[in-house]
N, C-alpha and C. Protein backbone atom coordinates (compact mmCIF):
# COMPACT_ATOMS: atom_id res chain seq x y z
N MET A 1 112.76 89.99 87.12
CA MET A 1 110.86 90.33 88.30
C MET A 1 109.96 90.52 87.59
N ASP A 2 109.15 90.29 87.04
CA ASP A 2 108.22 91.29 86.37
C ASP A 2 107.79 92.36 87.07
N LYS A 3 107.80 93.40 86.71
CA LYS A 3 107.15 94.73 87.46
C LYS A 3 105.20 94.61 87.95
N PRO A 4 104.47 94.32 88.49
CA PRO A 4 103.21 94.40 88.02
C PRO A 4 102.74 94.93 87.27
N LYS A 5 101.23 94.89 87.13
CA LYS A 5 100.48 95.43 86.10
C LYS A 5 100.10 96.85 86.50
N ILE A 6 99.48 97.52 86.74
CA ILE A 6 98.47 98.61 87.57
C ILE A 6 97.30 97.97 87.27
N ASN A 7 96.64 98.33 88.42
CA ASN A 7 95.35 97.64 88.50
C ASN A 7 93.87 99.06 88.08
N HIS A 8 93.34 99.16 87.03
CA HIS A 8 92.59 99.71 86.32
C HIS A 8 91.76 100.53 87.92
N LEU A 9 91.38 99.04 88.04
CA LEU A 9 89.82 98.79 88.78
C LEU A 9 90.06 99.38 89.86
N ALA A 10 91.53 99.30 90.79
CA ALA A 10 91.65 100.05 91.91
C ALA A 10 91.70 101.50 91.82
N VAL A 11 92.51 101.58 90.73
CA VAL A 11 92.80 103.27 90.61
C VAL A 11 91.13 103.99 90.35
N TRP A 12 90.29 103.53 89.63
CA TRP A 12 89.03 104.19 89.75
C TRP A 12 87.76 103.86 91.16
N GLY A 13 87.68 102.55 91.27
CA GLY A 13 87.20 102.62 92.70
C GLY A 13 88.21 103.62 93.67
N MET A 14 89.17 103.58 94.37
CA MET A 14 89.77 104.57 95.27
C MET A 14 89.54 105.61 94.72
N ALA A 15 89.75 106.48 93.23
CA ALA A 15 88.64 107.32 93.20
C ALA A 15 87.57 107.96 93.17
N ILE A 16 86.52 106.96 93.07
CA ILE A 16 84.77 106.86 93.99
C ILE A 16 85.34 106.91 95.00
N LEU A 17 86.08 106.43 96.24
CA LEU A 17 85.37 105.86 96.95
C LEU A 17 85.67 107.23 98.22
N VAL A 18 87.59 107.53 97.66
CA VAL A 18 86.82 108.82 98.73
C VAL A 18 86.73 110.16 98.21
N GLN A 19 85.71 110.58 97.33
CA GLN A 19 84.36 111.64 96.89
C GLN A 19 84.09 112.27 98.00
N PRO A 20 83.40 110.77 99.19
CA PRO A 20 82.62 111.39 100.37
C PRO A 20 83.33 112.11 101.36
N LEU A 21 84.88 111.80 101.30
CA LEU A 21 86.22 112.20 102.51
C LEU A 21 85.70 114.22 102.73
N PRO A 22 86.01 114.54 101.33
CA PRO A 22 85.85 116.06 101.30
C PRO A 22 84.16 115.80 102.25
N MET A 23 83.07 115.74 101.82
CA MET A 23 82.06 116.19 102.11
C MET A 23 81.85 116.37 103.87
N LEU A 24 82.55 115.04 104.27
CA LEU A 24 81.79 115.15 105.50
C LEU A 24 83.45 115.87 106.41
N TRP A 25 84.20 115.70 105.88
CA TRP A 25 84.89 116.85 106.91
C TRP A 25 85.04 118.26 106.67
N TYR A 26 84.88 118.59 105.06
CA TYR A 26 83.89 120.39 105.13
C TYR A 26 82.51 120.49 106.12
N ASN A 27 81.65 119.38 106.30
CA ASN A 27 80.38 119.57 107.12
C ASN A 27 80.84 120.40 107.89
N ASN A 28 79.87 120.75 108.42
CA ASN A 28 79.19 122.02 109.96
C ASN A 28 79.42 121.19 111.15
N ILE A 29 79.28 120.21 111.20
CA ILE A 29 79.27 119.04 112.56
C ILE A 29 80.94 119.15 112.37
N MET A 30 81.50 118.78 111.53
CA MET A 30 83.75 118.70 111.71
C MET A 30 83.83 120.43 111.15
N PHE A 31 84.43 120.38 110.33
CA PHE A 31 85.39 121.57 110.05
C PHE A 31 84.50 122.82 109.04
N GLY A 32 84.02 122.52 108.47
CA GLY A 32 83.03 123.21 107.99
C GLY A 32 82.52 124.35 107.67
N ILE A 33 81.98 125.22 109.66
CA ILE A 33 82.03 126.07 110.18
C ILE A 33 83.45 127.11 110.11
N ARG A 34 83.85 126.24 110.58
CA ARG A 34 85.67 127.36 110.47
C ARG A 34 86.47 127.30 109.27
N TRP A 35 85.89 126.29 109.19
CA TRP A 35 86.39 126.49 107.39
C TRP A 35 86.25 127.87 106.62
N MET A 36 84.66 128.10 106.44
CA MET A 36 84.07 129.02 106.64
C MET A 36 84.80 130.56 106.96
N GLU A 37 84.98 130.27 108.20
CA GLU A 37 85.27 131.64 108.44
C GLU A 37 86.72 132.29 108.33
N LEU A 38 87.58 131.36 108.02
CA LEU A 38 88.39 131.21 107.69
C LEU A 38 89.35 131.74 106.30
N ASN A 39 87.93 131.24 105.39
CA ASN A 39 88.05 132.29 103.83
C ASN A 39 87.24 133.22 103.69
N GLY A 40 86.18 133.86 104.34
CA GLY A 40 84.98 134.89 104.69
C GLY A 40 84.21 134.23 103.62
N LEU A 41 84.08 133.13 103.94
CA LEU A 41 82.77 133.11 103.14
C LEU A 41 81.44 132.68 103.86
N LYS A 42 80.21 132.47 102.94
CA LYS A 42 78.53 132.26 103.88
C LYS A 42 78.43 131.45 102.97
N GLU A 43 77.12 130.52 103.50
CA GLU A 43 75.91 129.25 102.39
C GLU A 43 76.26 130.32 101.79
N ASP A 44 75.75 131.23 101.71
CA ASP A 44 74.96 131.44 100.22
C ASP A 44 76.42 131.05 98.75
N ASP A 45 77.16 131.69 99.30
CA ASP A 45 78.42 131.53 98.37
C ASP A 45 78.41 130.18 97.49
N PHE A 46 77.84 129.55 98.11
CA PHE A 46 77.46 128.00 97.72
C PHE A 46 76.21 127.27 96.90
N THR A 47 75.19 128.03 96.69
CA THR A 47 74.46 127.54 96.04
C THR A 47 74.76 127.64 94.12
N ASP A 48 75.79 128.43 94.09
CA ASP A 48 75.51 128.28 92.19
C ASP A 48 76.92 127.54 92.08
N ALA A 49 77.34 126.95 92.78
CA ALA A 49 78.83 125.88 92.58
C ALA A 49 78.65 124.90 91.85
N GLY A 50 77.83 124.10 91.43
CA GLY A 50 77.44 123.28 90.20
C GLY A 50 78.30 122.27 89.98
N MET A 51 78.79 121.31 89.46
CA MET A 51 79.01 119.76 88.87
C MET A 51 80.40 120.11 88.69
N LEU A 52 81.41 121.13 88.46
CA LEU A 52 82.39 121.58 87.61
C LEU A 52 83.41 121.12 88.96
N ASN A 53 82.74 121.26 90.36
CA ASN A 53 83.92 121.44 90.58
C ASN A 53 83.69 119.87 91.30
N LEU A 54 82.62 119.38 91.58
CA LEU A 54 82.90 117.71 91.93
C LEU A 54 84.00 116.91 90.07
N ILE A 55 83.83 117.19 89.13
CA ILE A 55 84.42 116.79 88.12
C ILE A 55 85.64 117.27 88.77
N TRP A 56 86.28 117.86 89.04
CA TRP A 56 87.54 118.22 89.08
C TRP A 56 87.88 117.66 90.54
N ALA A 57 87.48 117.65 90.65
CA ALA A 57 87.60 116.74 92.63
C ALA A 57 88.03 115.08 91.68
N PHE A 58 87.41 114.78 91.22
CA PHE A 58 87.57 113.88 90.48
C PHE A 58 87.71 113.48 89.84
N ALA A 59 88.72 114.20 88.99
CA ALA A 59 89.63 114.26 87.98
C ALA A 59 90.44 114.25 88.78
N ALA A 60 91.18 114.92 89.84
CA ALA A 60 91.70 114.62 90.85
C ALA A 60 92.85 113.65 91.20
N ALA A 61 91.99 113.07 91.51
CA ALA A 61 92.03 111.70 92.33
C ALA A 61 91.66 110.41 91.46
N VAL A 62 91.96 110.52 90.46
CA VAL A 62 91.93 109.60 89.60
C VAL A 62 93.33 110.52 89.19
N GLY A 63 93.91 111.21 88.46
CA GLY A 63 95.40 111.77 88.17
C GLY A 63 96.45 111.27 89.57
N MET A 64 96.18 111.22 90.86
CA MET A 64 96.21 111.04 91.79
C MET A 64 96.82 108.85 91.56
N GLY A 65 95.96 108.61 91.29
CA GLY A 65 95.75 107.08 91.68
C GLY A 65 96.27 107.07 91.16
N TYR A 66 96.38 107.26 89.50
CA TYR A 66 97.27 106.66 88.18
C TYR A 66 98.71 107.14 88.76
N LEU A 67 99.13 108.05 88.99
CA LEU A 67 100.19 108.82 89.24
C LEU A 67 100.88 107.78 90.75
N PHE A 68 100.51 107.72 91.82
CA PHE A 68 100.50 106.56 92.56
C PHE A 68 100.92 104.87 91.76
N ALA A 69 100.26 104.65 91.34
CA ALA A 69 100.18 103.14 90.40
C ALA A 69 101.73 102.89 89.87
N HIS A 70 101.68 103.80 88.91
CA HIS A 70 103.11 104.40 87.54
C HIS A 70 104.90 104.48 88.64
N LEU A 71 104.78 105.32 90.01
CA LEU A 71 105.36 106.08 91.13
C LEU A 71 105.46 104.27 91.26
N PHE A 72 104.84 103.78 92.17
CA PHE A 72 105.12 102.11 93.01
C PHE A 72 105.50 101.56 92.37
N ARG A 73 104.73 101.16 90.94
CA ARG A 73 105.47 100.42 89.46
C ARG A 73 106.97 100.35 89.43
N ALA A 74 106.82 101.87 89.60
CA ALA A 74 108.40 101.86 88.99
C ALA A 74 109.49 101.50 89.96
N MET A 75 109.32 101.89 91.29
CA MET A 75 109.72 102.05 92.43
C MET A 75 109.81 100.35 93.22
N ASN A 76 109.10 99.87 92.72
CA ASN A 76 108.90 98.18 93.01
C ASN A 76 108.38 98.38 94.07
N ILE A 77 107.48 99.27 94.55
CA ILE A 77 107.00 99.35 95.82
C ILE A 77 105.50 98.26 96.27
N ASN A 78 105.31 97.87 97.22
CA ASN A 78 104.52 97.00 97.42
C ASN A 78 103.93 96.53 98.11
N LYS A 79 104.48 96.64 99.61
CA LYS A 79 104.10 96.77 100.94
C LYS A 79 103.42 98.11 101.09
N ALA A 80 101.89 97.75 101.85
CA ALA A 80 101.32 99.21 102.53
C ALA A 80 101.99 100.17 103.85
N VAL A 81 103.25 99.34 104.30
CA VAL A 81 103.54 100.65 105.04
C VAL A 81 104.64 101.63 103.92
N ASP A 82 105.11 101.37 103.57
CA ASP A 82 106.08 101.80 102.37
C ASP A 82 105.16 102.87 101.15
N ALA A 83 104.07 101.75 100.73
CA ALA A 83 102.83 103.51 100.47
C ALA A 83 103.05 104.04 100.88
N LEU A 84 102.47 103.80 101.92
CA LEU A 84 102.10 104.73 103.70
C LEU A 84 103.36 105.74 103.27
N LYS A 85 104.17 105.27 103.25
CA LYS A 85 105.98 106.74 104.12
C LYS A 85 105.77 107.75 102.60
N TRP A 86 105.35 107.28 101.42
CA TRP A 86 105.75 107.39 99.87
C TRP A 86 104.66 109.00 99.63
N ALA A 87 103.59 107.86 100.00
CA ALA A 87 102.27 108.97 99.60
C ALA A 87 102.67 110.15 101.33
N PHE A 88 102.63 110.12 102.22
CA PHE A 88 103.02 110.95 103.13
C PHE A 88 103.84 112.58 102.88
N ALA A 89 105.07 111.48 101.98
CA ALA A 89 106.02 112.11 101.77
C ALA A 89 105.50 113.08 100.25
N MET A 90 104.84 112.59 99.41
CA MET A 90 104.70 112.72 98.26
C MET A 90 103.55 114.26 99.02
N TRP A 91 102.68 113.48 100.10
CA TRP A 91 101.58 114.93 100.14
C TRP A 91 102.22 115.95 101.32
N LEU A 92 103.47 115.94 101.78
CA LEU A 92 104.70 117.15 102.62
C LEU A 92 105.15 118.31 101.36
N VAL A 93 105.62 117.28 100.91
CA VAL A 93 106.72 118.22 100.52
C VAL A 93 105.59 118.97 98.93
N LEU A 94 104.90 118.27 98.06
CA LEU A 94 104.69 118.45 97.05
C LEU A 94 103.18 119.29 97.82
N LEU A 95 102.30 119.11 98.31
CA LEU A 95 101.29 119.51 98.56
C LEU A 95 101.76 120.97 100.22
N PHE A 96 101.73 120.34 101.00
CA PHE A 96 102.00 121.10 102.44
C PHE A 96 101.87 121.99 102.38
N LEU A 97 104.04 121.19 102.10
CA LEU A 97 105.05 122.81 102.47
C LEU A 97 104.46 123.64 101.35
N GLU A 98 103.97 123.73 100.50
CA GLU A 98 104.17 124.63 98.87
C GLU A 98 102.76 124.87 99.35
N LEU A 99 101.58 124.97 100.15
CA LEU A 99 100.56 125.25 100.20
C LEU A 99 100.78 126.21 101.53
N ALA A 100 101.15 125.45 102.42
CA ALA A 100 101.90 126.72 103.44
C ALA A 100 102.38 127.51 103.29
N THR A 101 103.34 127.30 102.70
CA THR A 101 104.04 128.57 101.93
C THR A 101 103.14 129.51 100.69
N GLN A 102 102.53 129.53 100.28
CA GLN A 102 101.80 130.57 99.90
C GLN A 102 101.01 131.26 100.49
N ASN A 103 100.10 129.89 101.09
CA ASN A 103 98.77 131.01 102.41
C ASN A 103 100.02 131.88 103.20
N ALA A 104 100.81 131.69 103.54
CA ALA A 104 101.74 132.51 104.44
C ALA A 104 102.62 133.89 104.09
N PHE A 105 102.09 133.56 102.48
CA PHE A 105 102.41 134.82 101.72
C PHE A 105 101.41 135.90 101.80
N THR A 106 100.01 135.16 101.46
CA THR A 106 99.07 135.96 101.01
C THR A 106 98.18 135.83 102.43
N LEU A 107 99.26 136.07 103.60
CA LEU A 107 98.11 135.98 105.24
C LEU A 107 97.16 135.39 105.43
N ARG A 108 96.95 133.97 105.49
CA ARG A 108 96.27 133.31 105.53
C ARG A 108 96.21 132.41 106.57
N ALA A 109 95.83 132.48 107.38
CA ALA A 109 95.52 131.51 108.86
C ALA A 109 96.09 130.00 108.61
N PHE A 110 97.44 129.59 109.25
CA PHE A 110 98.09 128.74 109.69
C PHE A 110 96.49 127.25 109.38
N GLU A 111 95.69 127.07 110.52
CA GLU A 111 94.90 126.65 110.56
C GLU A 111 94.00 126.05 108.87
N LEU A 112 94.03 126.86 108.33
CA LEU A 112 93.79 127.04 106.84
C LEU A 112 94.03 126.11 106.74
N THR A 113 95.66 126.43 106.13
CA THR A 113 96.66 125.21 105.89
C THR A 113 95.87 123.87 106.31
N LEU A 114 96.07 123.82 107.14
CA LEU A 114 95.93 122.38 108.15
C LEU A 114 94.45 121.74 107.16
N LEU A 115 93.86 122.88 107.51
CA LEU A 115 91.95 122.37 107.07
C LEU A 115 91.74 121.70 106.02
N ASP A 116 92.64 122.47 104.97
CA ASP A 116 93.07 122.81 103.50
C ASP A 116 93.58 121.14 102.73
N THR A 117 94.65 121.10 103.98
CA THR A 117 95.52 119.84 103.95
C THR A 117 95.26 118.18 104.09
N ILE A 118 95.24 118.42 105.41
CA ILE A 118 95.29 117.22 105.73
C ILE A 118 94.41 116.46 105.60
N ILE A 119 92.88 116.48 104.74
CA ILE A 119 92.16 115.87 104.59
C ILE A 119 92.74 115.41 102.73
N VAL A 120 93.09 115.89 102.51
CA VAL A 120 94.47 115.71 101.00
C VAL A 120 95.50 114.64 101.89
N LEU A 121 95.85 114.70 102.32
CA LEU A 121 96.61 113.36 103.28
C LEU A 121 95.94 112.29 103.49
N PHE A 122 94.46 112.15 104.58
CA PHE A 122 93.54 111.32 104.65
C PHE A 122 93.89 110.25 102.87
N LYS A 123 93.27 111.17 101.96
CA LYS A 123 92.67 110.99 100.60
C LYS A 123 93.90 109.88 100.20
N TYR A 124 95.31 110.46 99.80
CA TYR A 124 96.62 109.58 99.58
C TYR A 124 97.02 108.23 99.83
N GLU A 125 96.32 108.57 101.22
CA GLU A 125 96.93 107.86 102.38
C GLU A 125 95.76 106.28 101.86
N ILE A 126 95.04 106.19 101.85
CA ILE A 126 93.32 105.27 101.62
C ILE A 126 93.90 104.81 100.47
N MET A 127 94.06 106.36 99.23
CA MET A 127 94.66 105.09 97.77
C MET A 127 95.69 104.94 97.75
N ALA A 128 96.64 105.24 98.55
CA ALA A 128 98.11 104.43 98.14
C ALA A 128 98.12 102.71 98.35
N ILE A 129 97.49 103.00 99.89
CA ILE A 129 97.05 101.60 99.78
C ILE A 129 96.80 101.21 99.85
N ALA A 130 95.43 100.81 98.73
CA ALA A 130 94.36 99.73 97.91
C ALA A 130 95.08 99.98 96.60
N ILE A 131 96.22 100.27 95.79
CA ILE A 131 96.51 100.46 94.98
C ILE A 131 97.54 99.28 95.01
N VAL A 132 98.22 99.26 96.37
CA VAL A 132 99.28 98.67 96.45
C VAL A 132 98.81 96.99 96.73
N LEU A 133 97.32 96.99 97.58
CA LEU A 133 97.31 95.90 97.53
C LEU A 133 96.33 94.94 97.33
N TRP A 134 95.49 96.23 96.48
CA TRP A 134 94.47 95.46 95.12
C TRP A 134 95.33 94.91 94.59
N LYS A 135 95.36 93.58 94.75
CA LYS A 135 95.96 92.97 93.43
C LYS A 135 95.60 92.29 92.64
N LYS A 136 96.04 92.71 91.42
CA LYS A 136 95.00 92.31 90.09
C LYS A 136 95.26 90.62 89.98
N LYS A 137 93.64 90.17 89.56
CA LYS A 137 93.72 88.91 89.62
C LYS A 137 94.73 88.13 88.52
N GLU A 138 95.45 87.13 88.73
CA GLU A 138 96.19 86.19 87.37
C GLU A 138 95.54 85.29 86.83
N LYS A 139 95.60 85.55 85.76
CA LYS A 139 94.69 84.88 84.78
C LYS A 139 95.27 83.17 85.11
N MET A 140 94.53 82.18 84.92
CA MET A 140 95.46 80.92 85.47
C MET A 140 96.27 80.51 84.15
N THR A 141 97.03 80.41 84.06
CA THR A 141 97.02 79.72 82.65
C THR A 141 97.83 78.42 82.77
N GLN A 142 98.57 77.46 82.02
CA GLN A 142 98.67 76.41 81.96
C GLN A 142 99.94 76.43 82.09
N GLU A 143 101.16 77.22 82.84
CA GLU A 143 102.46 76.81 82.87
C GLU A 143 101.61 76.95 84.72
N SER A 144 100.69 77.59 85.21
CA SER A 144 100.80 77.90 86.63
C SER A 144 99.92 77.08 87.36
N LEU A 145 99.16 76.18 86.65
CA LEU A 145 98.44 74.82 86.43
C LEU A 145 99.63 73.43 86.75
N ALA A 146 100.28 73.92 85.72
CA ALA A 146 101.53 72.52 85.83
C ALA A 146 102.51 72.18 87.06
């Protein structure tokens, strides 16, 4: 059985789609004020943020999309529920537990770990589902018409 090809449109499309999620998560209505308090930051600290942060965020999303696509292809994952499970497992082991450990040793609040990682979990889950379900349209061949 042939493994499905990577759908580059799905990877790049999801990388673009998930970009507004942190802006919503960290706005003043949701968790932005609390996040700034926990980090000891003020709004003035973000006046010179620049475009580099947005470029890093987009590059990270594209990288994660391709990682999911290659891993899911190699593992023959083609169901949304399986993609959700693996995205959660990767988030838990590779991000959450690592960041929780670092934050514990640097005496940062566990609440900050939750704020910083749960939004990433949402992004991972959205990307994983889309990459598995957004099938690349196959070109019609003479064999498929026969």
